[in-house]
């Protein structure tokens, strides 16, 4: 039995949510059960009420707005807790075509990929302006290089994730999960692919960022942080060796003049070179320490994965021993905590 849960992060989407839900698939090849999950990220309107009236199976509500990354993380945890074998993430504003869920799910169902990204063909997408197309292509190139993946639309939120991949991904950013997730997945050697999808014109301005410069800044910080987390030694050792090499030039300059009997007038070269050399050694040492911390992170993530798997087995064992009426009471308690 293969279970698919389609999750939709929402922020004040009461007006457009019904249309989005109506376009979601009810039957897919290779999928036995399809359910929906709404993550209401502190909406001020009746987003949760609309979801209930439309029969959404799972509703997660944040009391205040936590941001897209946290909403995605909450939804992923809920979907895993509800036994999803595959999780699809899509937007509530109707940007993506609901029927294309079949396309992004197919590689995961077939066992060909752990993660499948919906490729919006940003290079020639008619719904994107020229500047946005350029930024999307540049950003995707950077993420593709740093994550060692072959994904041309790195920031597409339309993606399907296998259960195993979802258990191994730990979103740490507070801005957007898309690039953080891809860099993690690439460095953890998960199988990632993409398929072309259709898109619709935006019905409203993005709520993720207020301006293009703000988006570039926050995305850049997210990419840098994610890459440094998994490649700490390479980043810090590279910066340290660069400082050391630069410092060797003024030191060599001083030694040249000193050998020719004119070292007294060039002590500043020795001071600058010595300072750069010392900084380089310290940064390289920080890289070694950061690499040890990264190793501990890998061990902690491996332990967390095993803990999640043990919890699932324990829950399954408990559920199999509960009488039917106990199942009903348990379901009511779960609903009450949402």
Protein backbone atom coordinates (compact mmCIF):
# COMPACT_ATOMS: atom_id res chain seq x y z
CA UNK A 1 0.00 0.00 0.00
CA UNK A 2 1.59 3.28 -1.14
CA UNK A 3 0.32 6.41 0.56
CA UNK A 4 0.77 9.89 -0.88
CA UNK A 5 0.14 13.05 1.12
CA UNK A 6 0.05 16.38 -0.70
CA UNK A 7 1.03 19.21 1.63
CA UNK A 8 0.27 22.88 1.01
CA UNK A 9 1.83 25.64 3.16
CA UNK A 10 -0.69 28.48 3.47
CA UNK A 11 -0.71 32.07 4.65
CA UNK A 12 -4.08 33.84 4.23
CA UNK A 13 -5.13 31.65 1.31
CA UNK A 14 -8.85 31.27 2.12
CA UNK A 15 -9.94 32.76 -1.22
CA UNK A 16 -7.71 30.72 -3.56
CA UNK A 17 -7.44 27.48 -1.55
CA UNK A 18 -10.72 25.93 -2.81
CA UNK A 19 -9.63 26.22 -6.44
CA UNK A 20 -6.23 24.72 -5.63
CA UNK A 21 -7.79 21.81 -3.73
CA UNK A 22 -10.26 21.17 -6.54
CA UNK A 23 -7.40 20.67 -9.00
CA UNK A 24 -5.50 18.16 -6.87
CA UNK A 25 -5.59 14.55 -8.13
CA UNK A 26 -7.80 11.97 -6.44
CA UNK A 27 -6.28 8.94 -8.19
CA UNK A 28 -2.73 8.32 -9.40
CA UNK A 29 -1.07 5.29 -10.94
CA UNK A 30 1.01 3.40 -8.39
CA UNK A 31 -0.63 5.19 -5.46
CA UNK A 32 -3.21 3.45 -3.28
CA UNK A 33 -4.16 6.34 -0.98
CA UNK A 34 -4.05 10.10 -1.52
CA UNK A 35 -4.52 12.54 1.35
CA UNK A 36 -4.07 16.29 1.76
CA UNK A 37 -2.34 18.30 4.47
CA UNK A 38 -2.69 22.05 4.98
CA UNK A 39 -0.09 23.97 7.01
CA UNK A 40 -1.78 27.17 8.16
CA UNK A 41 1.19 29.40 8.98
CA UNK A 42 -0.57 31.85 11.28
CA UNK A 43 -3.22 33.02 8.80
CA UNK A 44 -5.46 35.90 9.82
CA UNK A 45 -8.30 34.70 7.59
CA UNK A 46 -10.33 31.48 7.58
CA UNK A 47 -7.76 29.30 5.81
CA UNK A 48 -8.10 26.46 8.32
CA UNK A 49 -11.89 26.63 8.22
CA UNK A 50 -11.92 26.44 4.43
CA UNK A 51 -9.60 23.44 4.57
CA UNK A 52 -11.92 21.65 7.01
CA UNK A 53 -15.01 22.36 4.92
CA UNK A 54 -13.26 20.99 1.86
CA UNK A 55 -12.47 17.75 3.67
CA UNK A 56 -8.70 18.18 4.04
CA UNK A 57 -7.46 15.16 5.97
CA UNK A 58 -4.74 16.85 8.04
CA UNK A 59 -4.46 20.45 9.24
CA UNK A 60 -1.43 21.86 11.04
CA UNK A 61 -1.88 25.37 12.39
CA UNK A 62 0.82 27.71 13.65
CA UNK A 63 -0.42 30.29 16.14
CA UNK A 64 1.79 32.92 14.49
CA UNK A 65 3.61 33.22 11.19
CA UNK A 66 6.87 31.26 11.31
CA UNK A 67 7.92 31.47 7.69
CA UNK A 68 7.88 29.12 4.72
CA UNK A 69 10.78 26.94 5.86
CA UNK A 70 9.18 26.22 9.24
CA UNK A 71 5.81 25.57 7.59
CA UNK A 72 7.43 23.09 5.22
CA UNK A 73 9.20 21.38 8.12
CA UNK A 74 5.97 21.13 10.16
CA UNK A 75 4.14 19.67 7.19
CA UNK A 76 6.85 17.12 6.52
CA UNK A 77 6.78 15.96 10.14
CA UNK A 78 2.99 15.66 10.07
CA UNK A 79 2.99 13.72 6.81
CA UNK A 80 5.60 11.28 8.11
CA UNK A 81 3.63 10.84 11.34
CA UNK A 82 0.54 10.02 9.26
CA UNK A 83 2.40 7.28 7.42
CA UNK A 84 3.12 8.96 4.09
CA UNK A 85 5.32 6.95 1.73
CA UNK A 86 5.63 9.95 -0.57
CA UNK A 87 5.13 13.64 0.21
CA UNK A 88 4.37 16.22 -2.47
CA UNK A 89 4.80 19.90 -1.68
CA UNK A 90 2.89 22.46 -3.72
CA UNK A 91 1.73 26.07 -3.42
CA UNK A 92 -1.73 27.30 -2.51
CA UNK A 93 -1.82 30.15 -5.02
CA UNK A 94 -2.33 27.93 -8.05
CA UNK A 95 1.07 28.62 -9.64
CA UNK A 96 1.55 24.92 -10.31
CA UNK A 97 -0.73 22.66 -12.31
CA UNK A 98 -2.33 20.07 -10.01
CA UNK A 99 -2.42 17.45 -12.75
CA UNK A 100 1.40 17.62 -12.98
CA UNK A 101 1.66 15.95 -9.58
CA UNK A 102 1.49 12.70 -11.53
CA UNK A 103 4.68 13.72 -13.35
CA UNK A 104 6.77 14.48 -10.30
CA UNK A 105 5.50 11.46 -8.36
CA UNK A 106 6.23 8.95 -11.13
CA UNK A 107 10.06 8.77 -10.70
CA UNK A 108 9.68 8.32 -6.92
CA UNK A 109 7.01 5.61 -7.31
CA UNK A 110 9.22 3.81 -9.83
CA UNK A 111 12.15 3.89 -7.40
CA UNK A 112 14.26 5.96 -9.80
CA UNK A 113 14.58 8.99 -7.50
CA UNK A 114 14.38 9.97 -3.85
CA UNK A 115 13.41 13.54 -4.74
CA UNK A 116 11.81 14.86 -7.93
CA UNK A 117 11.72 18.61 -8.62
CA UNK A 118 9.19 20.25 -10.90
CA UNK A 119 11.18 22.18 -13.50
CA UNK A 120 9.41 25.41 -14.51
CA UNK A 121 11.76 25.97 -17.50
CA UNK A 122 12.83 29.30 -16.01
CA UNK A 123 14.97 30.17 -19.03
CA UNK A 124 11.94 30.76 -21.25
CA UNK A 125 8.96 30.78 -18.90
CA UNK A 126 6.46 33.34 -20.19
CA UNK A 127 5.17 34.04 -16.66
CA UNK A 128 8.60 35.25 -15.48
CA UNK A 129 10.06 38.65 -16.29
CA UNK A 130 13.47 38.92 -17.91
CA UNK A 131 15.19 39.88 -14.66
CA UNK A 132 13.55 37.06 -12.74
CA UNK A 133 14.53 34.52 -15.40
CA UNK A 134 18.14 35.67 -15.20
CA UNK A 135 18.21 35.52 -11.39
CA UNK A 136 16.54 32.09 -11.34
CA UNK A 137 19.05 30.68 -13.81
CA UNK A 138 22.00 32.18 -11.94
CA UNK A 139 20.74 30.94 -8.58
CA UNK A 140 20.04 27.46 -9.93
CA UNK A 141 23.55 27.32 -11.41
CA UNK A 142 25.11 28.20 -8.05
CA UNK A 143 23.00 25.65 -6.16
CA UNK A 144 23.60 23.01 -8.83
CA UNK A 145 27.35 23.51 -8.51
CA UNK A 146 27.45 23.55 -4.72
CA UNK A 147 25.08 20.60 -4.29
CA UNK A 148 26.71 18.50 -7.02
CA UNK A 149 23.30 17.87 -8.59
CA UNK A 150 21.92 18.37 -12.08
CA UNK A 151 18.81 20.40 -11.25
CA UNK A 152 18.01 23.40 -13.44
CA UNK A 153 15.27 24.91 -11.23
CA UNK A 154 16.66 24.81 -7.72
CA UNK A 155 14.09 27.07 -6.05
CA UNK A 156 10.99 25.33 -7.37
CA UNK A 157 8.76 24.44 -4.43
CA UNK A 158 6.86 21.84 -6.47
CA UNK A 159 8.59 18.60 -5.46
CA UNK A 160 7.96 14.99 -4.50
CA UNK A 161 9.95 13.39 -1.68
CA UNK A 162 10.19 9.75 -0.70
CA UNK A 163 9.72 8.79 2.93
CA UNK A 164 13.37 7.78 3.30
CA UNK A 165 14.57 11.10 1.89
CA UNK A 166 12.18 13.09 4.10
CA UNK A 167 13.53 11.30 7.17
CA UNK A 168 17.11 12.19 6.26
CA UNK A 169 16.49 15.86 5.45
CA UNK A 170 16.73 18.30 8.36
CA UNK A 171 15.75 21.84 7.37
CA UNK A 172 17.70 24.39 9.43
CA UNK A 173 17.10 27.66 7.57
CA UNK A 174 14.37 30.14 8.53
CA UNK A 175 13.92 31.64 5.05
CA UNK A 176 13.28 29.09 2.30
CA UNK A 177 13.75 25.35 2.40
CA UNK A 178 14.33 24.85 -1.34
CA UNK A 179 18.06 25.50 -1.65
CA UNK A 180 18.90 24.18 1.83
CA UNK A 181 17.12 20.93 1.03
CA UNK A 182 18.86 20.47 -2.32
CA UNK A 183 22.35 21.07 -0.94
CA UNK A 184 21.66 18.62 1.88
CA UNK A 185 20.23 16.02 -0.48
CA UNK A 186 23.14 16.34 -2.88
CA UNK A 187 25.75 16.02 -0.15
CA UNK A 188 23.90 13.04 1.35
CA UNK A 189 24.00 11.25 -2.01
CA UNK A 190 20.23 11.09 -2.46
CA UNK A 191 18.97 10.43 -5.98
CA UNK A 192 17.52 13.69 -7.33
CA UNK A 193 15.86 14.29 -10.67
CA UNK A 194 13.54 16.82 -12.28
CA UNK A 195 10.68 16.77 -14.78
CA UNK A 196 9.16 19.63 -16.80
CA UNK A 197 5.94 21.07 -15.40
CA UNK A 198 3.41 23.71 -16.38
CA UNK A 199 2.93 26.95 -14.48
CA UNK A 200 0.33 29.69 -14.26
CA UNK A 201 0.72 33.42 -13.89
CA UNK A 202 1.08 34.65 -10.31
CA UNK A 203 -2.18 35.89 -8.81
CA UNK A 204 -0.46 38.06 -6.19
CA UNK A 205 3.01 39.31 -5.20
CA UNK A 206 5.27 36.87 -3.38
CA UNK A 207 4.91 36.79 0.39
CA UNK A 208 8.31 35.17 0.85
CA UNK A 209 10.29 38.36 0.23
CA UNK A 210 9.60 42.09 -0.09
CA UNK A 211 12.07 42.93 -2.86
CA UNK A 212 14.52 41.32 -5.27
CA UNK A 213 17.61 42.57 -3.33
CA UNK A 214 16.12 41.12 -0.14
CA UNK A 215 15.52 37.79 -1.87
CA UNK A 216 19.09 37.69 -3.22
CA UNK A 217 20.55 38.52 0.18
CA UNK A 218 18.54 35.97 2.13
CA UNK A 219 18.96 33.24 -0.48
CA UNK A 220 22.70 33.90 -0.62
CA UNK A 221 23.00 33.57 3.15
CA UNK A 222 20.97 30.35 3.07
CA UNK A 223 23.13 28.83 0.33
CA UNK A 224 26.37 29.86 2.03
CA UNK A 225 25.25 28.50 5.38
CA UNK A 226 24.04 25.20 3.96
CA UNK A 227 27.20 24.67 1.92
CA UNK A 228 29.49 25.58 4.83
CA UNK A 229 27.62 23.17 7.11
CA UNK A 230 28.48 20.21 4.89
CA UNK A 231 31.86 21.42 3.60
CA UNK A 232 33.31 23.22 6.60
CA UNK A 233 36.90 22.05 6.13
CA UNK A 234 36.95 22.98 2.44
CA UNK A 235 35.55 26.47 3.11
CA UNK A 236 37.67 27.40 6.12
CA UNK A 237 40.85 25.69 4.93
CA UNK A 238 40.47 27.41 1.56
CA UNK A 239 40.10 30.83 3.18
CA UNK A 240 42.97 30.08 5.58
CA UNK A 241 45.36 28.96 2.84
CA UNK A 242 44.43 32.03 0.79
CA UNK A 243 45.32 34.31 3.73
CA UNK A 244 48.59 32.40 4.26
CA UNK A 245 49.59 32.71 0.60
CA UNK A 246 48.76 36.42 0.52
CA UNK A 247 50.74 36.90 3.73
CA UNK A 248 53.80 35.22 2.22
CA UNK A 249 54.19 37.98 -0.38
CA UNK A 250 54.89 40.88 2.05
CA UNK A 251 57.02 38.54 4.18
CA UNK A 252 59.04 37.61 1.11
CA UNK A 253 59.31 41.30 0.21
CA UNK A 254 60.75 42.09 3.63
CA UNK A 255 63.21 39.19 3.42
CA UNK A 256 64.36 40.41 0.00
CA UNK A 257 65.13 43.89 1.25
CA UNK A 258 66.59 42.51 4.47
CA UNK A 259 68.98 40.30 2.50
CA UNK A 260 70.08 43.39 0.59
CA UNK A 261 70.75 45.34 3.79
CA UNK A 262 67.61 47.52 3.66
CA UNK A 263 65.25 45.65 5.99
CA UNK A 264 64.80 48.46 8.49
CA UNK A 265 62.59 50.51 6.22
CA UNK A 266 60.25 47.65 5.34
CA UNK A 267 59.24 46.30 8.74
CA UNK A 268 55.61 47.11 7.92
CA UNK A 269 55.70 44.40 5.24
CA UNK A 270 56.79 41.88 7.86
CA UNK A 271 54.02 43.01 10.24
CA UNK A 272 51.30 42.81 7.59
CA UNK A 273 52.56 39.51 6.24
CA UNK A 274 52.89 38.03 9.72
CA UNK A 275 49.36 39.12 10.64
CA UNK A 276 47.92 37.57 7.47
CA UNK A 277 49.90 34.38 8.02
CA UNK A 278 48.65 34.12 11.61
CA UNK A 279 45.03 34.76 10.56
CA UNK A 280 45.38 32.07 7.90
CA UNK A 281 46.63 29.52 10.41
CA UNK A 282 43.81 30.37 12.84
CA UNK A 283 41.13 30.11 10.11
CA UNK A 284 42.55 26.77 8.96
CA UNK A 285 42.45 25.54 12.56
CA UNK A 286 38.82 26.68 12.79
CA UNK A 287 38.17 24.62 9.65
CA UNK A 288 39.51 21.50 11.31
CA UNK A 289 37.35 22.12 14.37
CA UNK A 290 34.31 22.82 12.17
CA UNK A 291 34.93 19.58 10.30
CA UNK A 292 34.92 17.68 13.59
CA UNK A 293 31.62 19.37 14.48
CA UNK A 294 30.24 18.40 11.06
CA UNK A 295 31.26 14.80 11.75
CA UNK A 296 29.33 14.91 15.02
CA UNK A 297 26.35 16.32 13.11
CA UNK A 298 26.42 13.31 10.79
CA UNK A 299 26.44 10.97 13.79
CA UNK A 300 23.55 12.88 15.39
CA UNK A 301 21.54 12.76 12.15
CA UNK A 302 22.17 9.02 11.86
CA UNK A 303 20.98 8.57 15.45
CA UNK A 304 17.93 10.76 14.77
CA UNK A 305 17.06 8.66 11.72
CA UNK A 306 17.27 5.45 13.74
CA UNK A 307 15.16 7.02 16.50
CA UNK A 308 12.47 8.01 14.00
CA UNK A 309 12.42 4.51 12.57
CA UNK A 310 12.17 2.97 16.05
CA UNK A 311 9.32 5.32 16.94
CA UNK A 312 7.47 4.31 13.79
CA UNK A 313 7.86 0.63 14.60
CA UNK A 314 6.71 1.22 18.16
CA UNK A 315 3.67 3.21 17.02
CA UNK A 316 2.81 0.52 14.48
CA UNK A 317 3.11 -2.17 17.14
CA UNK A 318 0.89 -0.21 19.55
CA UNK A 319 -1.69 0.49 16.85
CA UNK A 320 -1.90 -3.19 15.95
CA UNK A 321 -2.74 -4.12 19.55
CA UNK A 322 -5.35 -1.39 20.16
CA UNK A 323 -9.07 -2.26 19.97
CA UNK A 324 -11.19 -0.41 17.41
CA UNK A 325 -12.71 2.05 19.92
CA UNK A 326 -9.23 2.92 21.19
CA UNK A 327 -8.23 3.85 17.65
CA UNK A 328 -11.13 6.29 17.53
CA UNK A 329 -10.18 7.94 20.83
CA UNK A 330 -6.55 8.17 19.73
CA UNK A 331 -7.60 9.87 16.50
CA UNK A 332 -9.72 12.36 18.44
CA UNK A 333 -6.78 13.24 20.70
CA UNK A 334 -4.53 13.78 17.69
CA UNK A 335 -7.08 16.08 16.09
CA UNK A 336 -7.44 18.04 19.33
CA UNK A 337 -3.70 18.77 19.46
CA UNK A 338 -3.55 20.23 15.95
